[in-house]
Amino acid sequence: MVREEIPGLGIATVYRAINDLVEEEWLKPVELPGRNNSYELSELGHHHHFICNECDKVYDLHGCPGQMKDLVPEGFKAKAHDITIYGVCSDCNEPQQEVPAGSPEQLPG
């Protein structure tokens, strides 16, 4: 996609630019289970994510359930936490229109 706009752009150049933006704290890495690392703007602040099991889209969840230290065993010290919720987004959760019996959409092959 970018190579169509900027012929000759090397992948190393892209990664150097991303690393520079992370060092300058414009971007922060996001590690979601089972996915390649991605990046988001640092200005979003602390938040969590929702992944739709149907369309695979990732949504930001603003807010936090609060003090996680109550969940940490005695003698342990939590440094950070990430919460990922899995489910079905509102677009995928919309009820499908029922197809009337005998309609062409319901008939086999």
C-alpha atoms as a PDB file:
ATOM      1  CA  MET A   1       0.000   0.000   0.000  1.00  0.00           C
ATOM      2  CA  VAL A   2       2.665   2.527   1.006  1.00  0.00           C
ATOM      3  CA  ARG A   3       5.035   1.253  -1.668  1.00  0.00           C
ATOM      4  CA  GLU A   4       2.504   2.304  -4.308  1.00  0.00           C
ATOM      5  CA  GLU A   5       2.699   5.860  -2.962  1.00  0.00           C
ATOM      6  CA  ILE A   6       6.462   5.862  -2.273  1.00  0.00           C
ATOM      7  CA  PRO A   7       8.283   3.491  -4.641  1.00  0.00           C
ATOM      8  CA  GLY A   8      11.561   2.210  -3.242  1.00  0.00           C
ATOM      9  CA  LEU A   9      10.557   2.626   0.417  1.00  0.00           C
ATOM     10  CA  GLY A  10      12.324  -0.123   2.331  1.00  0.00           C
ATOM     11  CA  ILE A  11      10.865  -2.034   5.259  1.00  0.00           C
ATOM     12  CA  ALA A  12      13.948  -1.173   7.347  1.00  0.00           C
ATOM     13  CA  THR A  13      13.142   2.523   6.884  1.00  0.00           C
ATOM     14  CA  VAL A  14       9.597   1.944   8.104  1.00  0.00           C
ATOM     15  CA  TYR A  15      10.793   0.058  11.208  1.00  0.00           C
ATOM     16  CA  ARG A  16      13.400   2.748  11.972  1.00  0.00           C
ATOM     17  CA  ALA A  17      10.684   5.397  11.772  1.00  0.00           C
ATOM     18  CA  ILE A  18       8.400   3.370  14.078  1.00  0.00           C
ATOM     19  CA  ASN A  19      11.243   2.847  16.563  1.00  0.00           C
ATOM     20  CA  ASP A  20      12.007   6.578  16.523  1.00  0.00           C
ATOM     21  CA  LEU A  21       8.346   7.393  17.197  1.00  0.00           C
ATOM     22  CA  VAL A  22       8.304   4.904  20.093  1.00  0.00           C
ATOM     23  CA  GLU A  23      11.492   6.424  21.560  1.00  0.00           C
ATOM     24  CA  GLU A  24       9.982   9.914  21.257  1.00  0.00           C
ATOM     25  CA  GLU A  25       6.832   8.532  22.973  1.00  0.00           C
ATOM     26  CA  TRP A  26       4.495   9.416  20.095  1.00  0.00           C
ATOM     27  CA  LEU A  27       3.679   5.725  19.666  1.00  0.00           C
ATOM     28  CA  LYS A  28       3.546   2.815  22.083  1.00  0.00           C
ATOM     29  CA  PRO A  29       3.647  -0.882  21.234  1.00  0.00           C
ATOM     30  CA  VAL A  30       0.497  -2.922  21.779  1.00  0.00           C
ATOM     31  CA  GLU A  31       0.890  -6.641  22.419  1.00  0.00           C
ATOM     32  CA  LEU A  32      -2.366  -8.524  22.039  1.00  0.00           C
ATOM     33  CA  PRO A  33      -2.425 -12.314  22.546  1.00  0.00           C
ATOM     34  CA  GLY A  34      -2.067 -14.275  19.330  1.00  0.00           C
ATOM     35  CA  ARG A  35      -1.318 -11.210  17.179  1.00  0.00           C
ATOM     36  CA  ASN A  36       1.685  -9.438  15.745  1.00  0.00           C
ATOM     37  CA  ASN A  37       2.708  -6.331  17.638  1.00  0.00           C
ATOM     38  CA  SER A  38       0.968  -3.178  16.568  1.00  0.00           C
ATOM     39  CA  TYR A  39       1.276   0.432  17.654  1.00  0.00           C
ATOM     40  CA  GLU A  40      -1.070   3.133  18.830  1.00  0.00           C
ATOM     41  CA  LEU A  41      -0.761   6.786  19.782  1.00  0.00           C
ATOM     42  CA  SER A  42       0.693   7.289  23.250  1.00  0.00           C
ATOM     43  CA  GLU A  43      -1.781  10.070  23.950  1.00  0.00           C
ATOM     44  CA  LEU A  44      -4.586   7.492  24.274  1.00  0.00           C
ATOM     45  CA  GLY A  45      -3.419   6.808  27.815  1.00  0.00           C
ATOM     46  CA  HIS A  46      -4.166   3.685  29.823  1.00  0.00           C
ATOM     47  CA  HIS A  47      -6.967   1.591  28.331  1.00  0.00           C
ATOM     48  CA  HIS A  48      -7.840  -1.973  27.413  1.00  0.00           C
ATOM     49  CA  HIS A  49      -9.020  -3.803  24.291  1.00  0.00           C
ATOM     50  CA  PHE A  50     -11.988  -5.772  22.975  1.00  0.00           C
ATOM     51  CA  ILE A  51     -11.423  -8.251  20.126  1.00  0.00           C
ATOM     52  CA  CYS A  52     -14.424  -9.400  18.101  1.00  0.00           C
ATOM     53  CA  ASN A  53     -14.384 -13.175  17.570  1.00  0.00           C
ATOM     54  CA  GLU A  54     -16.408 -12.779  14.362  1.00  0.00           C
ATOM     55  CA  CYS A  55     -14.727  -9.977  12.373  1.00  0.00           C
ATOM     56  CA  ASP A  56     -11.398  -9.895  14.274  1.00  0.00           C
ATOM     57  CA  LYS A  57     -11.534  -6.104  14.761  1.00  0.00           C
ATOM     58  CA  VAL A  58      -9.875  -4.609  17.822  1.00  0.00           C
ATOM     59  CA  TYR A  59     -11.677  -1.882  19.768  1.00  0.00           C
ATOM     60  CA  ASP A  60     -10.286   0.394  22.466  1.00  0.00           C
ATOM     61  CA  LEU A  61     -12.026   0.151  25.832  1.00  0.00           C
ATOM     62  CA  HIS A  62     -11.644   3.385  27.737  1.00  0.00           C
ATOM     63  CA  GLY A  63     -11.609   3.054  31.455  1.00  0.00           C
ATOM     64  CA  CYS A  64     -10.232   0.483  33.794  1.00  0.00           C
ATOM     65  CA  PRO A  65     -11.732  -1.774  36.455  1.00  0.00           C
ATOM     66  CA  GLY A  66      -9.454  -0.084  38.965  1.00  0.00           C
ATOM     67  CA  GLN A  67      -7.136  -1.372  41.598  1.00  0.00           C
ATOM     68  CA  MET A  68      -5.698  -4.655  40.459  1.00  0.00           C
ATOM     69  CA  LYS A  69      -3.456  -4.875  43.519  1.00  0.00           C
ATOM     70  CA  ASP A  70      -6.291  -6.605  45.372  1.00  0.00           C
ATOM     71  CA  LEU A  71      -5.927  -9.552  42.961  1.00  0.00           C
ATOM     72  CA  VAL A  72      -2.170  -9.911  43.442  1.00  0.00           C
ATOM     73  CA  PRO A  73      -1.026 -12.514  45.984  1.00  0.00           C
ATOM     74  CA  GLU A  74       0.461 -11.282  49.231  1.00  0.00           C
ATOM     75  CA  GLY A  75       4.145 -10.440  48.875  1.00  0.00           C
ATOM     76  CA  PHE A  76       3.853  -9.803  45.125  1.00  0.00           C
ATOM     77  CA  LYS A  77       4.016  -6.370  43.514  1.00  0.00           C
ATOM     78  CA  ALA A  78       2.173  -5.684  40.255  1.00  0.00           C
ATOM     79  CA  LYS A  79       3.954  -3.374  37.807  1.00  0.00           C
ATOM     80  CA  ALA A  80       1.344  -3.181  35.054  1.00  0.00           C
ATOM     81  CA  HIS A  81      -1.712  -4.941  33.658  1.00  0.00           C
ATOM     82  CA  ASP A  82      -3.458  -5.451  30.329  1.00  0.00           C
ATOM     83  CA  ILE A  83      -6.995  -6.675  29.897  1.00  0.00           C
ATOM     84  CA  THR A  84      -8.295  -8.086  26.620  1.00  0.00           C
ATOM     85  CA  ILE A  85     -11.978  -8.940  26.367  1.00  0.00           C
ATOM     86  CA  TYR A  86     -13.179 -11.288  23.624  1.00  0.00           C
ATOM     87  CA  GLY A  87     -16.712 -11.388  22.292  1.00  0.00           C
ATOM     88  CA  VAL A  88     -18.893 -10.189  19.418  1.00  0.00           C
ATOM     89  CA  CYS A  89     -18.998  -6.525  18.396  1.00  0.00           C
ATOM     90  CA  SER A  90     -22.259  -4.647  17.836  1.00  0.00           C
ATOM     91  CA  ASP A  91     -21.969  -4.898  14.030  1.00  0.00           C
ATOM     92  CA  CYS A  92     -21.554  -8.692  14.139  1.00  0.00           C
ATOM     93  CA  ASN A  93     -24.147  -9.056  16.893  1.00  0.00           C
ATOM     94  CA  GLU A  94     -26.978  -7.507  14.860  1.00  0.00           C
ATOM     95  CA  PRO A  95     -29.783 -10.014  14.384  1.00  0.00           C
ATOM     96  CA  GLN A  96     -29.738 -11.519  10.913  1.00  0.00           C
ATOM     97  CA  GLN A  97     -32.945 -11.225   8.922  1.00  0.00           C
ATOM     98  CA  GLU A  98     -34.618 -14.585   8.740  1.00  0.00           C
ATOM     99  CA  VAL A  99     -34.889 -15.970   5.239  1.00  0.00           C
ATOM    100  CA  PRO A 100     -38.410 -17.228   4.480  1.00  0.00           C
ATOM    101  CA  ALA A 101     -38.664 -20.988   3.953  1.00  0.00           C
ATOM    102  CA  GLY A 102     -38.398 -21.948   0.305  1.00  0.00           C
ATOM    103  CA  SER A 103     -36.756 -18.678  -0.776  1.00  0.00           C
ATOM    104  CA  PRO A 104     -33.845 -18.893  -3.263  1.00  0.00           C
ATOM    105  CA  GLU A 105     -31.317 -17.929  -0.512  1.00  0.00           C
ATOM    106  CA  GLN A 106     -32.296 -21.002   1.511  1.00  0.00           C
ATOM    107  CA  LEU A 107     -32.496 -23.595  -1.267  1.00  0.00           C
ATOM    108  CA  PRO A 108     -29.470 -25.869  -1.732  1.00  0.00           C
ATOM    109  CA  GLY A 109     -26.991 -25.320  -4.596  1.00  0.00           C
END
